[in-house]
Amino acid sequence: MALSEELQKKLGKKYEASSMIEMKFKGYNVSFKTDDEGNAILLFIGKKTEQGTIKGERYARTLKKDREGKIFKDHWELKGKAI
């Protein structure tokens, strides 16, 4: 499953720094971890199990910045199954 533009737009916002955020998106459970600046960097998307974990897919985000701190590379990569 490729990440939709709509989901990427939601994940592009700033959130609480160094935290785990949970939300629903088009019938899926979404959980993501943020870095110390509030950028989403690790994403789990799928269905939530009884134990509270998400069974589905796991994505990692690459953010590269120049010397002024401007992002010049922003890429989500599928890392495999989330169990």
PDB file of N, CA and C in Angstrom:
ATOM      1  N   MET A   1       0.842  -1.180   0.000  1.00  0.00           N
ATOM      2  CA  MET A   1       0.000   0.000   0.000  1.00  0.00           C
ATOM      3  C   MET A   1       0.890   1.246   0.000  1.00  0.00           C
ATOM      4  N   ALA A   2       0.734   2.079  -0.987  1.00  0.00           N
ATOM      5  CA  ALA A   2       1.468   3.340  -1.046  1.00  0.00           C
ATOM      6  C   ALA A   2       0.714   4.380  -0.223  1.00  0.00           C
ATOM      7  N   LEU A   3       1.458   5.291   0.371  1.00  0.00           N
ATOM      8  CA  LEU A   3       0.823   6.336   1.174  1.00  0.00           C
ATOM      9  C   LEU A   3       0.160   7.349   0.260  1.00  0.00           C
ATOM     10  N   SER A   4      -1.097   7.655   0.550  1.00  0.00           N
ATOM     11  CA  SER A   4      -1.839   8.613  -0.268  1.00  0.00           C
ATOM     12  C   SER A   4      -1.338  10.034  -0.003  1.00  0.00           C
ATOM     13  N   GLU A   5      -1.588  10.905  -0.961  1.00  0.00           N
ATOM     14  CA  GLU A   5      -1.214  12.313  -0.815  1.00  0.00           C
ATOM     15  C   GLU A   5      -1.894  12.919   0.412  1.00  0.00           C
ATOM     16  N   GLU A   6      -3.150  12.539   0.622  1.00  0.00           N
ATOM     17  CA  GLU A   6      -3.917  13.063   1.751  1.00  0.00           C
ATOM     18  C   GLU A   6      -3.284  12.669   3.089  1.00  0.00           C
ATOM     19  N   LEU A   7      -2.854  11.404   3.215  1.00  0.00           N
ATOM     20  CA  LEU A   7      -2.214  10.945   4.440  1.00  0.00           C
ATOM     21  C   LEU A   7      -0.850  11.608   4.610  1.00  0.00           C
ATOM     22  N   GLN A   8      -0.102  11.732   3.529  1.00  0.00           N
ATOM     23  CA  GLN A   8       1.202  12.382   3.608  1.00  0.00           C
ATOM     24  C   GLN A   8       1.066  13.840   4.038  1.00  0.00           C
ATOM     25  N   LYS A   9      -0.011  14.487   3.593  1.00  0.00           N
ATOM     26  CA  LYS A   9      -0.257  15.871   3.986  1.00  0.00           C
ATOM     27  C   LYS A   9      -0.515  15.954   5.489  1.00  0.00           C
ATOM     28  N   LYS A  10      -1.303  15.015   6.031  1.00  0.00           N
ATOM     29  CA  LYS A  10      -1.559  14.963   7.484  1.00  0.00           C
ATOM     30  C   LYS A  10      -0.262  14.724   8.247  1.00  0.00           C
ATOM     31  N   LEU A  11       0.563  13.821   7.740  1.00  0.00           N
ATOM     32  CA  LEU A  11       1.817  13.483   8.413  1.00  0.00           C
ATOM     33  C   LEU A  11       2.863  14.585   8.275  1.00  0.00           C
ATOM     34  N   GLY A  12       2.666  15.494   7.334  1.00  0.00           N
ATOM     35  CA  GLY A  12       3.597  16.597   7.126  1.00  0.00           C
ATOM     36  C   GLY A  12       3.446  17.719   8.131  1.00  0.00           C
ATOM     37  N   LYS A  13       2.384  17.690   8.919  1.00  0.00           N
ATOM     38  CA  LYS A  13       2.169  18.721   9.937  1.00  0.00           C
ATOM     39  C   LYS A  13       3.086  18.478  11.134  1.00  0.00           C
ATOM     40  N   LYS A  14       3.220  19.504  11.971  1.00  0.00           N
ATOM     41  CA  LYS A  14       3.994  19.378  13.210  1.00  0.00           C
ATOM     42  C   LYS A  14       3.066  18.877  14.317  1.00  0.00           C
ATOM     43  N   TYR A  15       3.582  17.959  15.118  1.00  0.00           N
ATOM     44  CA  TYR A  15       2.846  17.385  16.236  1.00  0.00           C
ATOM     45  C   TYR A  15       3.682  17.531  17.495  1.00  0.00           C
ATOM     46  N   GLU A  16       3.155  17.027  18.600  1.00  0.00           N
ATOM     47  CA  GLU A  16       3.899  17.077  19.856  1.00  0.00           C
ATOM     48  C   GLU A  16       5.234  16.349  19.683  1.00  0.00           C
ATOM     49  N   ALA A  17       6.303  16.972  20.128  1.00  0.00           N
ATOM     50  CA  ALA A  17       7.648  16.417  19.952  1.00  0.00           C
ATOM     51  C   ALA A  17       7.848  15.146  20.769  1.00  0.00           C
ATOM     52  N   SER A  18       8.612  14.232  20.220  1.00  0.00           N
ATOM     53  CA  SER A  18       9.008  12.979  20.882  1.00  0.00           C
ATOM     54  C   SER A  18       7.832  12.248  21.523  1.00  0.00           C
ATOM     55  N   SER A  19       6.812  11.989  20.735  1.00  0.00           N
ATOM     56  CA  SER A  19       5.633  11.302  21.261  1.00  0.00           C
ATOM     57  C   SER A  19       5.090  10.312  20.240  1.00  0.00           C
ATOM     58  N   MET A  20       4.121   9.521  20.683  1.00  0.00           N
ATOM     59  CA  MET A  20       3.432   8.569  19.822  1.00  0.00           C
ATOM     60  C   MET A  20       2.008   9.083  19.655  1.00  0.00           C
ATOM     61  N   ILE A  21       1.572   9.298  18.423  1.00  0.00           N
ATOM     62  CA  ILE A  21       0.262   9.854  18.115  1.00  0.00           C
ATOM     63  C   ILE A  21      -0.588   8.761  17.470  1.00  0.00           C
ATOM     64  N   GLU A  22      -1.845   8.654  17.886  1.00  0.00           N
ATOM     65  CA  GLU A  22      -2.772   7.686  17.295  1.00  0.00           C
ATOM     66  C   GLU A  22      -3.966   8.426  16.718  1.00  0.00           C
ATOM     67  N   MET A  23      -4.444   7.957  15.558  1.00  0.00           N
ATOM     68  CA  MET A  23      -5.629   8.539  14.930  1.00  0.00           C
ATOM     69  C   MET A  23      -6.243   7.528  13.988  1.00  0.00           C
ATOM     70  N   LYS A  24      -7.431   7.840  13.501  1.00  0.00           N
ATOM     71  CA  LYS A  24      -8.104   7.027  12.484  1.00  0.00           C
ATOM     72  C   LYS A  24      -7.962   7.765  11.159  1.00  0.00           C
ATOM     73  N   PHE A  25      -7.793   7.002  10.068  1.00  0.00           N
ATOM     74  CA  PHE A  25      -7.704   7.586   8.739  1.00  0.00           C
ATOM     75  C   PHE A  25      -8.360   6.641   7.751  1.00  0.00           C
ATOM     76  N   LYS A  26      -9.498   7.048   7.217  1.00  0.00           N
ATOM     77  CA  LYS A  26     -10.237   6.266   6.217  1.00  0.00           C
ATOM     78  C   LYS A  26     -10.409   4.803   6.602  1.00  0.00           C
ATOM     79  N   GLY A  27     -10.825   4.567   7.832  1.00  0.00           N
ATOM     80  CA  GLY A  27     -11.092   3.210   8.293  1.00  0.00           C
ATOM     81  C   GLY A  27      -9.885   2.464   8.823  1.00  0.00           C
ATOM     82  N   TYR A  28      -8.707   3.047   8.726  1.00  0.00           N
ATOM     83  CA  TYR A  28      -7.488   2.419   9.239  1.00  0.00           C
ATOM     84  C   TYR A  28      -7.097   3.057  10.557  1.00  0.00           C
ATOM     85  N   ASN A  29      -6.423   2.283  11.395  1.00  0.00           N
ATOM     86  CA  ASN A  29      -5.802   2.837  12.585  1.00  0.00           C
ATOM     87  C   ASN A  29      -4.400   3.273  12.187  1.00  0.00           C
ATOM     88  N   VAL A  30      -4.032   4.468  12.575  1.00  0.00           N
ATOM     89  CA  VAL A  30      -2.728   5.029  12.255  1.00  0.00           C
ATOM     90  C   VAL A  30      -2.051   5.425  13.562  1.00  0.00           C
ATOM     91  N   SER A  31      -0.804   5.029  13.705  1.00  0.00           N
ATOM     92  CA  SER A  31      -0.014   5.392  14.866  1.00  0.00           C
ATOM     93  C   SER A  31       1.360   5.798  14.357  1.00  0.00           C
ATOM     94  N   PHE A  32       1.861   6.944  14.831  1.00  0.00           N
ATOM     95  CA  PHE A  32       3.184   7.367  14.380  1.00  0.00           C
ATOM     96  C   PHE A  32       3.973   8.021  15.504  1.00  0.00           C
ATOM     97  N   LYS A  33       5.280   7.883  15.392  1.00  0.00           N
ATOM     98  CA  LYS A  33       6.217   8.435  16.362  1.00  0.00           C
ATOM     99  C   LYS A  33       6.794   9.720  15.770  1.00  0.00           C
ATOM    100  N   THR A  34       6.979  10.720  16.631  1.00  0.00           N
ATOM    101  CA  THR A  34       7.548  11.985  16.177  1.00  0.00           C
ATOM    102  C   THR A  34       8.967  12.155  16.714  1.00  0.00           C
ATOM    103  N   ASP A  35       9.742  12.973  15.995  1.00  0.00           N
ATOM    104  CA  ASP A  35      11.095  13.275  16.447  1.00  0.00           C
ATOM    105  C   ASP A  35      11.071  14.452  17.427  1.00  0.00           C
ATOM    106  N   ASP A  36      12.241  14.953  17.796  1.00  0.00           N
ATOM    107  CA  ASP A  36      12.310  16.030  18.776  1.00  0.00           C
ATOM    108  C   ASP A  36      11.829  17.378  18.247  1.00  0.00           C
ATOM    109  N   GLU A  37      11.535  17.455  16.946  1.00  0.00           N
ATOM    110  CA  GLU A  37      10.985  18.678  16.351  1.00  0.00           C
ATOM    111  C   GLU A  37       9.494  18.552  16.053  1.00  0.00           C
ATOM    112  N   GLY A  38       8.914  17.383  16.294  1.00  0.00           N
ATOM    113  CA  GLY A  38       7.489  17.173  16.058  1.00  0.00           C
ATOM    114  C   GLY A  38       7.151  16.654  14.676  1.00  0.00           C
ATOM    115  N   ASN A  39       8.149  16.199  13.918  1.00  0.00           N
ATOM    116  CA  ASN A  39       7.928  15.610  12.593  1.00  0.00           C
ATOM    117  C   ASN A  39       7.645  14.123  12.737  1.00  0.00           C
ATOM    118  N   ALA A  40       6.644  13.624  12.006  1.00  0.00           N
ATOM    119  CA  ALA A  40       6.365  12.188  11.998  1.00  0.00           C
ATOM    120  C   ALA A  40       7.531  11.474  11.324  1.00  0.00           C
ATOM    121  N   ILE A  41       8.074  10.425  11.970  1.00  0.00           N
ATOM    122  CA  ILE A  41       9.231   9.735  11.406  1.00  0.00           C
ATOM    123  C   ILE A  41       9.046   8.224  11.274  1.00  0.00           C
ATOM    124  N   LEU A  42       8.118   7.656  12.044  1.00  0.00           N
ATOM    125  CA  LEU A  42       7.858   6.221  11.992  1.00  0.00           C
ATOM    126  C   LEU A  42       6.351   6.036  12.013  1.00  0.00           C
ATOM    127  N   LEU A  43       5.820   5.266  11.055  1.00  0.00           N
ATOM    128  CA  LEU A  43       4.382   5.140  10.881  1.00  0.00           C
ATOM    129  C   LEU A  43       3.956   3.682  10.865  1.00  0.00           C
ATOM    130  N   PHE A  44       2.868   3.391  11.576  1.00  0.00           N
ATOM    131  CA  PHE A  44       2.222   2.084  11.543  1.00  0.00           C
ATOM    132  C   PHE A  44       0.795   2.323  11.075  1.00  0.00           C
ATOM    133  N   ILE A  45       0.348   1.569  10.051  1.00  0.00           N
ATOM    134  CA  ILE A  45      -1.010   1.734   9.529  1.00  0.00           C
ATOM    135  C   ILE A  45      -1.620   0.364   9.305  1.00  0.00           C
ATOM    136  N   GLY A  46      -2.851   0.201   9.751  1.00  0.00           N
ATOM    137  CA  GLY A  46      -3.545  -1.081   9.618  1.00  0.00           C
ATOM    138  C   GLY A  46      -4.722  -1.132  10.565  1.00  0.00           C
ATOM    139  N   LYS A  47      -4.950  -2.306  11.148  1.00  0.00           N
ATOM    140  CA  LYS A  47      -6.039  -2.511  12.104  1.00  0.00           C
ATOM    141  C   LYS A  47      -5.456  -2.754  13.491  1.00  0.00           C
ATOM    142  N   LYS A  48      -6.049  -2.125  14.487  1.00  0.00           N
ATOM    143  CA  LYS A  48      -5.590  -2.277  15.866  1.00  0.00           C
ATOM    144  C   LYS A  48      -6.052  -3.619  16.423  1.00  0.00           C
ATOM    145  N   THR A  49      -5.133  -4.322  17.088  1.00  0.00           N
ATOM    146  CA  THR A  49      -5.449  -5.612  17.706  1.00  0.00           C
ATOM    147  C   THR A  49      -5.996  -5.391  19.114  1.00  0.00           C
ATOM    148  N   GLU A  50      -6.442  -6.467  19.750  1.00  0.00           N
ATOM    149  CA  GLU A  50      -6.945  -6.385  21.126  1.00  0.00           C
ATOM    150  C   GLU A  50      -5.860  -5.944  22.100  1.00  0.00           C
ATOM    151  N   GLN A  51      -4.606  -6.236  21.776  1.00  0.00           N
ATOM    152  CA  GLN A  51      -3.480  -5.854  22.635  1.00  0.00           C
ATOM    153  C   GLN A  51      -3.101  -4.382  22.470  1.00  0.00           C
ATOM    154  N   GLY A  52      -3.691  -3.709  21.488  1.00  0.00           N
ATOM    155  CA  GLY A  52      -3.413  -2.298  21.270  1.00  0.00           C
ATOM    156  C   GLY A  52      -2.343  -2.012  20.236  1.00  0.00           C
ATOM    157  N   THR A  53      -1.766  -3.060  19.651  1.00  0.00           N
ATOM    158  CA  THR A  53      -0.775  -2.864  18.600  1.00  0.00           C
ATOM    159  C   THR A  53      -1.474  -2.806  17.249  1.00  0.00           C
ATOM    160  N   ILE A  54      -0.772  -2.313  16.248  1.00  0.00           N
ATOM    161  CA  ILE A  54      -1.351  -2.224  14.911  1.00  0.00           C
ATOM    162  C   ILE A  54      -0.765  -3.314  14.033  1.00  0.00           C
ATOM    163  N   LYS A  55      -1.664  -4.081  13.406  1.00  0.00           N
ATOM    164  CA  LYS A  55      -1.267  -5.129  12.472  1.00  0.00           C
ATOM    165  C   LYS A  55      -1.510  -4.578  11.078  1.00  0.00           C
ATOM    166  N   GLY A  56      -0.444  -4.436  10.321  1.00  0.00           N
ATOM    167  CA  GLY A  56      -0.555  -3.854   8.986  1.00  0.00           C
ATOM    168  C   GLY A  56       0.818  -3.622   8.391  1.00  0.00           C
ATOM    169  N   GLU A  57       1.128  -2.354   8.093  1.00  0.00           N
ATOM    170  CA  GLU A  57       2.401  -2.017   7.475  1.00  0.00           C
ATOM    171  C   GLU A  57       3.146  -0.963   8.280  1.00  0.00           C
ATOM    172  N   ARG A  58       4.466  -0.993   8.126  1.00  0.00           N
ATOM    173  CA  ARG A  58       5.349  -0.071   8.842  1.00  0.00           C
ATOM    174  C   ARG A  58       6.132   0.746   7.820  1.00  0.00           C
ATOM    175  N   TYR A  59       6.194   2.053   8.042  1.00  0.00           N
ATOM    176  CA  TYR A  59       6.917   2.968   7.167  1.00  0.00           C
ATOM    177  C   TYR A  59       7.901   3.794   7.985  1.00  0.00           C
ATOM    178  N   ALA A  60       9.008   4.172   7.361  1.00  0.00           N
ATOM    179  CA  ALA A  60       9.982   5.065   7.988  1.00  0.00           C
ATOM    180  C   ALA A  60      10.177   6.265   7.062  1.00  0.00           C
ATOM    181  N   ARG A  61      10.402   7.410   7.657  1.00  0.00           N
ATOM    182  CA  ARG A  61      10.545   8.650   6.892  1.00  0.00           C
ATOM    183  C   ARG A  61      11.986   9.124   6.920  1.00  0.00           C
ATOM    184  N   THR A  62      12.472   9.544   5.763  1.00  0.00           N
ATOM    185  CA  THR A  62      13.787  10.141   5.648  1.00  0.00           C
ATOM    186  C   THR A  62      13.607  11.637   5.470  1.00  0.00           C
ATOM    187  N   LEU A  63      14.183  12.392   6.382  1.00  0.00           N
ATOM    188  CA  LEU A  63      14.175  13.851   6.295  1.00  0.00           C
ATOM    189  C   LEU A  63      15.619  14.317   6.262  1.00  0.00           C
ATOM    190  N   LYS A  64      16.009  14.989   5.197  1.00  0.00           N
ATOM    191  CA  LYS A  64      17.360  15.536   5.104  1.00  0.00           C
ATOM    192  C   LYS A  64      17.253  17.044   5.006  1.00  0.00           C
ATOM    193  N   LYS A  65      18.111  17.725   5.773  1.00  0.00           N
ATOM    194  CA  LYS A  65      18.077  19.187   5.828  1.00  0.00           C
ATOM    195  C   LYS A  65      19.417  19.759   5.391  1.00  0.00           C
ATOM    196  N   ASP A  66      19.364  20.971   4.833  1.00  0.00           N
ATOM    197  CA  ASP A  66      20.601  21.654   4.476  1.00  0.00           C
ATOM    198  C   ASP A  66      21.143  22.384   5.709  1.00  0.00           C
ATOM    199  N   ARG A  67      22.195  23.149   5.542  1.00  0.00           N
ATOM    200  CA  ARG A  67      22.837  23.824   6.675  1.00  0.00           C
ATOM    201  C   ARG A  67      21.957  24.878   7.336  1.00  0.00           C
ATOM    202  N   GLU A  68      21.010  25.416   6.572  1.00  0.00           N
ATOM    203  CA  GLU A  68      20.093  26.411   7.124  1.00  0.00           C
ATOM    204  C   GLU A  68      18.893  25.761   7.813  1.00  0.00           C
ATOM    205  N   GLY A  69      18.782  24.445   7.735  1.00  0.00           N
ATOM    206  CA  GLY A  69      17.686  23.726   8.372  1.00  0.00           C
ATOM    207  C   GLY A  69      16.479  23.506   7.476  1.00  0.00           C
ATOM    208  N   LYS A  70      16.584  23.863   6.193  1.00  0.00           N
ATOM    209  CA  LYS A  70      15.481  23.643   5.254  1.00  0.00           C
ATOM    210  C   LYS A  70      15.519  22.201   4.759  1.00  0.00           C
ATOM    211  N   ILE A  71      14.344  21.574   4.709  1.00  0.00           N
ATOM    212  CA  ILE A  71      14.243  20.186   4.257  1.00  0.00           C
ATOM    213  C   ILE A  71      14.391  20.123   2.739  1.00  0.00           C
ATOM    214  N   PHE A  72      15.345  19.309   2.265  1.00  0.00           N
ATOM    215  CA  PHE A  72      15.506  19.133   0.826  1.00  0.00           C
ATOM    216  C   PHE A  72      15.163  17.713   0.380  1.00  0.00           C
ATOM    217  N   LYS A  73      14.967  16.802   1.330  1.00  0.00           N
ATOM    218  CA  LYS A  73      14.523  15.444   0.996  1.00  0.00           C
ATOM    219  C   LYS A  73      13.527  14.995   2.041  1.00  0.00           C
ATOM    220  N   ASP A  74      12.364  14.560   1.581  1.00  0.00           N
ATOM    221  CA  ASP A  74      11.295  14.082   2.460  1.00  0.00           C
ATOM    222  C   ASP A  74      10.681  12.876   1.767  1.00  0.00           C
ATOM    223  N   HIS A  75      10.950  11.679   2.313  1.00  0.00           N
ATOM    224  CA  HIS A  75      10.567  10.454   1.630  1.00  0.00           C
ATOM    225  C   HIS A  75      10.092   9.411   2.636  1.00  0.00           C
ATOM    226  N   TRP A  76       8.925   8.798   2.374  1.00  0.00           N
ATOM    227  CA  TRP A  76       8.406   7.688   3.180  1.00  0.00           C
ATOM    228  C   TRP A  76       8.749   6.375   2.475  1.00  0.00           C
ATOM    229  N   GLU A  77       9.280   5.412   3.213  1.00  0.00           N
ATOM    230  CA  GLU A  77       9.662   4.125   2.645  1.00  0.00           C
ATOM    231  C   GLU A  77       8.991   2.987   3.410  1.00  0.00           C
ATOM    232  N   LEU A  78       8.387   2.070   2.678  1.00  0.00           N
ATOM    233  CA  LEU A  78       7.766   0.885   3.269  1.00  0.00           C
ATOM    234  C   LEU A  78       8.871  -0.010   3.824  1.00  0.00           C
ATOM    235  N   LYS A  79       8.760  -0.359   5.101  1.00  0.00           N
ATOM    236  CA  LYS A  79       9.778  -1.189   5.759  1.00  0.00           C
ATOM    237  C   LYS A  79       9.322  -2.609   6.003  1.00  0.00           C
ATOM    238  N   GLY A  80       8.053  -2.898   5.742  1.00  0.00           N
ATOM    239  CA  GLY A  80       7.566  -4.257   5.919  1.00  0.00           C
ATOM    240  C   GLY A  80       6.299  -4.330   6.736  1.00  0.00           C
ATOM    241  N   LYS A  81       6.019  -5.526   7.193  1.00  0.00           N
ATOM    242  CA  LYS A  81       4.797  -5.778   7.964  1.00  0.00           C
ATOM    243  C   LYS A  81       4.957  -5.332   9.405  1.00  0.00           C
ATOM    244  N   ALA A  82       3.871  -4.812   9.957  1.00  0.00           N
ATOM    245  CA  ALA A  82       3.791  -4.504  11.384  1.00  0.00           C
ATOM    246  C   ALA A  82       2.896  -5.544  12.008  1.00  0.00           C
ATOM    247  N   ILE A  83       3.392  -6.231  13.006  1.00  0.00           N
ATOM    248  CA  ILE A  83       2.627  -7.308  13.616  1.00  0.00           C
ATOM    249  C   ILE A  83       2.311  -6.971  15.053  1.00  0.00           C
TER     250      ILE A  83
END
